[in-house]
Amino acid sequence: MNASPLSCEEWTGLLKNAGLKGIQAKTYELDVKNETKGLFQRYGFAGMMGVMYKMLSLYIKNPSYRAFEKK
């Protein structure tokens, strides 16, 4: 199972098909370094370590999660 993000046009189409009107959409570049920095500022070091612990725990205990991660 592969997931990929929808394009701006695809999102706009979904919203129009849902009956919304006057839709305006804009795309932005993603800066991974700034996003990571923001996550650490928002959740702190301990919060991020908690997330990493949960991910590792899932990886060890759940074969479905391991299969998902390998893809």
N, C-alpha and C. Protein backbone atom coordinates (compact mmCIF):
# COMPACT_ATOMS: atom_id res chain seq x y z
N MET A 1 0.84 -1.17 0.00
CA MET A 1 0.00 0.00 0.00
C MET A 1 0.89 1.24 0.00
N ASN A 2 0.79 2.04 -1.01
CA ASN A 2 1.54 3.29 -1.10
C ASN A 2 0.58 4.46 -1.01
N ALA A 3 1.01 5.46 -0.31
CA ALA A 3 0.20 6.68 -0.19
C ALA A 3 1.00 7.83 -0.77
N SER A 4 0.33 8.67 -1.51
CA SER A 4 0.99 9.87 -2.02
C SER A 4 0.02 11.04 -1.86
N PRO A 5 0.57 12.21 -1.64
CA PRO A 5 -0.31 13.37 -1.43
C PRO A 5 -1.04 13.76 -2.71
N LEU A 6 -2.21 14.33 -2.53
CA LEU A 6 -2.99 14.81 -3.66
C LEU A 6 -2.42 16.14 -4.14
N SER A 7 -2.59 16.41 -5.41
CA SER A 7 -2.17 17.70 -5.96
C SER A 7 -3.17 18.77 -5.52
N CYS A 8 -2.79 20.00 -5.73
CA CYS A 8 -3.68 21.13 -5.42
C CYS A 8 -4.99 21.01 -6.20
N GLU A 9 -4.87 20.64 -7.47
CA GLU A 9 -6.06 20.49 -8.32
C GLU A 9 -6.96 19.36 -7.83
N GLU A 10 -6.36 18.27 -7.37
CA GLU A 10 -7.15 17.14 -6.86
C GLU A 10 -7.90 17.53 -5.59
N TRP A 11 -7.23 18.25 -4.68
CA TRP A 11 -7.90 18.73 -3.47
C TRP A 11 -9.05 19.66 -3.81
N THR A 12 -8.80 20.57 -4.72
CA THR A 12 -9.83 21.52 -5.13
C THR A 12 -11.03 20.77 -5.72
N GLY A 13 -10.76 19.75 -6.54
CA GLY A 13 -11.84 18.94 -7.11
C GLY A 13 -12.66 18.24 -6.05
N LEU A 14 -11.99 17.70 -5.04
CA LEU A 14 -12.71 17.03 -3.95
C LEU A 14 -13.62 18.01 -3.21
N LEU A 15 -13.11 19.20 -2.95
CA LEU A 15 -13.90 20.20 -2.24
C LEU A 15 -15.10 20.66 -3.06
N LYS A 16 -14.88 20.85 -4.37
CA LYS A 16 -15.99 21.23 -5.26
C LYS A 16 -17.04 20.12 -5.31
N ASN A 17 -16.59 18.88 -5.41
CA ASN A 17 -17.52 17.74 -5.44
C ASN A 17 -18.30 17.60 -4.13
N ALA A 18 -17.74 18.13 -3.05
CA ALA A 18 -18.44 18.10 -1.76
C ALA A 18 -19.46 19.23 -1.65
N GLY A 19 -19.51 20.09 -2.68
CA GLY A 19 -20.52 21.14 -2.69
C GLY A 19 -20.02 22.49 -2.22
N LEU A 20 -18.74 22.61 -1.93
CA LEU A 20 -18.21 23.90 -1.49
C LEU A 20 -18.02 24.83 -2.68
N LYS A 21 -18.17 26.11 -2.43
CA LYS A 21 -18.03 27.10 -3.50
C LYS A 21 -17.01 28.15 -3.09
N GLY A 22 -16.48 28.86 -4.07
CA GLY A 22 -15.52 29.92 -3.79
C GLY A 22 -14.22 29.40 -3.21
N ILE A 23 -13.77 28.27 -3.67
CA ILE A 23 -12.57 27.63 -3.14
C ILE A 23 -11.33 28.33 -3.69
N GLN A 24 -10.41 28.65 -2.80
CA GLN A 24 -9.11 29.18 -3.21
C GLN A 24 -8.04 28.28 -2.60
N ALA A 25 -7.12 27.83 -3.42
CA ALA A 25 -6.07 26.93 -2.94
C ALA A 25 -4.71 27.46 -3.35
N LYS A 26 -3.74 27.25 -2.48
CA LYS A 26 -2.38 27.68 -2.76
C LYS A 26 -1.42 26.63 -2.20
N THR A 27 -0.37 26.35 -2.93
CA THR A 27 0.63 25.40 -2.45
C THR A 27 1.86 26.13 -1.94
N TYR A 28 2.58 25.48 -1.04
CA TYR A 28 3.79 26.04 -0.46
C TYR A 28 4.88 24.98 -0.48
N GLU A 29 6.11 25.44 -0.61
CA GLU A 29 7.26 24.54 -0.51
C GLU A 29 7.38 24.06 0.94
N LEU A 30 7.83 22.85 1.12
CA LEU A 30 8.03 22.28 2.45
C LEU A 30 9.51 22.30 2.77
N ASP A 31 9.87 22.92 3.87
CA ASP A 31 11.25 22.94 4.34
C ASP A 31 11.34 21.97 5.52
N VAL A 32 11.88 20.79 5.27
CA VAL A 32 11.91 19.73 6.28
C VAL A 32 12.67 20.17 7.52
N LYS A 33 13.76 20.89 7.34
CA LYS A 33 14.55 21.34 8.49
C LYS A 33 13.72 22.25 9.40
N ASN A 34 13.00 23.21 8.82
CA ASN A 34 12.17 24.10 9.63
C ASN A 34 10.99 23.37 10.25
N GLU A 35 10.42 22.40 9.53
CA GLU A 35 9.30 21.61 10.08
C GLU A 35 9.77 20.82 11.30
N THR A 36 10.94 20.20 11.19
CA THR A 36 11.49 19.42 12.31
C THR A 36 11.78 20.32 13.50
N LYS A 37 12.36 21.48 13.24
CA LYS A 37 12.64 22.44 14.30
C LYS A 37 11.35 22.87 14.99
N GLY A 38 10.31 23.11 14.21
CA GLY A 38 9.01 23.50 14.77
C GLY A 38 8.40 22.41 15.63
N LEU A 39 8.54 21.16 15.20
CA LEU A 39 8.02 20.04 16.00
C LEU A 39 8.72 19.97 17.35
N PHE A 40 10.05 20.11 17.35
CA PHE A 40 10.79 20.07 18.61
C PHE A 40 10.41 21.25 19.50
N GLN A 41 10.19 22.42 18.92
CA GLN A 41 9.78 23.58 19.72
C GLN A 41 8.39 23.37 20.30
N ARG A 42 7.49 22.76 19.52
CA ARG A 42 6.11 22.57 19.95
C ARG A 42 5.99 21.49 21.02
N TYR A 43 6.67 20.36 20.81
CA TYR A 43 6.48 19.21 21.69
C TYR A 43 7.63 18.99 22.67
N GLY A 44 8.75 19.65 22.46
CA GLY A 44 9.89 19.50 23.34
C GLY A 44 10.62 18.18 23.11
N PHE A 45 11.80 18.10 23.68
CA PHE A 45 12.63 16.90 23.51
C PHE A 45 11.94 15.67 24.09
N ALA A 46 11.39 15.81 25.30
CA ALA A 46 10.73 14.67 25.95
C ALA A 46 9.54 14.19 25.14
N GLY A 47 8.77 15.10 24.59
CA GLY A 47 7.62 14.72 23.78
C GLY A 47 8.03 13.97 22.53
N MET A 48 9.09 14.43 21.88
CA MET A 48 9.57 13.75 20.68
C MET A 48 10.15 12.38 21.01
N MET A 49 10.81 12.25 22.16
CA MET A 49 11.33 10.94 22.57
C MET A 49 10.17 9.99 22.86
N GLY A 50 9.06 10.52 23.38
CA GLY A 50 7.87 9.71 23.61
C GLY A 50 7.31 9.16 22.29
N VAL A 51 7.30 10.01 21.28
CA VAL A 51 6.84 9.58 19.95
C VAL A 51 7.75 8.50 19.40
N MET A 52 9.07 8.71 19.53
CA MET A 52 10.03 7.72 19.04
C MET A 52 9.87 6.38 19.77
N TYR A 53 9.63 6.45 21.09
CA TYR A 53 9.42 5.23 21.87
C TYR A 53 8.18 4.48 21.38
N LYS A 54 7.10 5.21 21.13
CA LYS A 54 5.87 4.57 20.65
C LYS A 54 6.08 3.93 19.28
N MET A 55 6.82 4.62 18.40
CA MET A 55 7.09 4.06 17.08
C MET A 55 7.93 2.79 17.18
N LEU A 56 8.97 2.82 18.01
CA LEU A 56 9.81 1.65 18.18
C LEU A 56 9.04 0.50 18.80
N SER A 57 8.21 0.81 19.77
CA SER A 57 7.38 -0.20 20.42
C SER A 57 6.43 -0.86 19.41
N LEU A 58 5.80 -0.04 18.58
CA LEU A 58 4.92 -0.59 17.53
C LEU A 58 5.71 -1.46 16.56
N TYR A 59 6.89 -1.02 16.20
CA TYR A 59 7.71 -1.77 15.24
C TYR A 59 8.06 -3.15 15.81
N ILE A 60 8.39 -3.20 17.08
CA ILE A 60 8.78 -4.46 17.71
C ILE A 60 7.57 -5.38 17.87
N LYS A 61 6.42 -4.85 18.27
CA LYS A 61 5.27 -5.67 18.65
C LYS A 61 4.30 -5.98 17.51
N ASN A 62 4.29 -5.17 16.46
CA ASN A 62 3.21 -5.27 15.48
C ASN A 62 3.75 -5.59 14.07
N PRO A 63 3.52 -6.83 13.59
CA PRO A 63 4.01 -7.20 12.25
C PRO A 63 3.42 -6.33 11.14
N SER A 64 2.17 -5.91 11.28
CA SER A 64 1.55 -5.06 10.27
C SER A 64 2.27 -3.71 10.17
N TYR A 65 2.65 -3.17 11.31
CA TYR A 65 3.37 -1.90 11.32
C TYR A 65 4.74 -2.06 10.67
N ARG A 66 5.42 -3.18 10.97
CA ARG A 66 6.72 -3.43 10.34
C ARG A 66 6.59 -3.50 8.82
N ALA A 67 5.57 -4.18 8.35
CA ALA A 67 5.33 -4.28 6.90
C ALA A 67 5.07 -2.91 6.30
N PHE A 68 4.28 -2.09 7.00
CA PHE A 68 3.99 -0.73 6.54
C PHE A 68 5.27 0.10 6.45
N GLU A 69 6.11 0.01 7.47
CA GLU A 69 7.35 0.78 7.50
C GLU A 69 8.31 0.35 6.40
N LYS A 70 8.33 -0.92 6.06
CA LYS A 70 9.24 -1.40 5.03
C LYS A 70 8.86 -0.88 3.66
N LYS A 71 7.57 -0.61 3.45
CA LYS A 71 7.12 -0.07 2.17
C LYS A 71 7.39 1.40 2.12
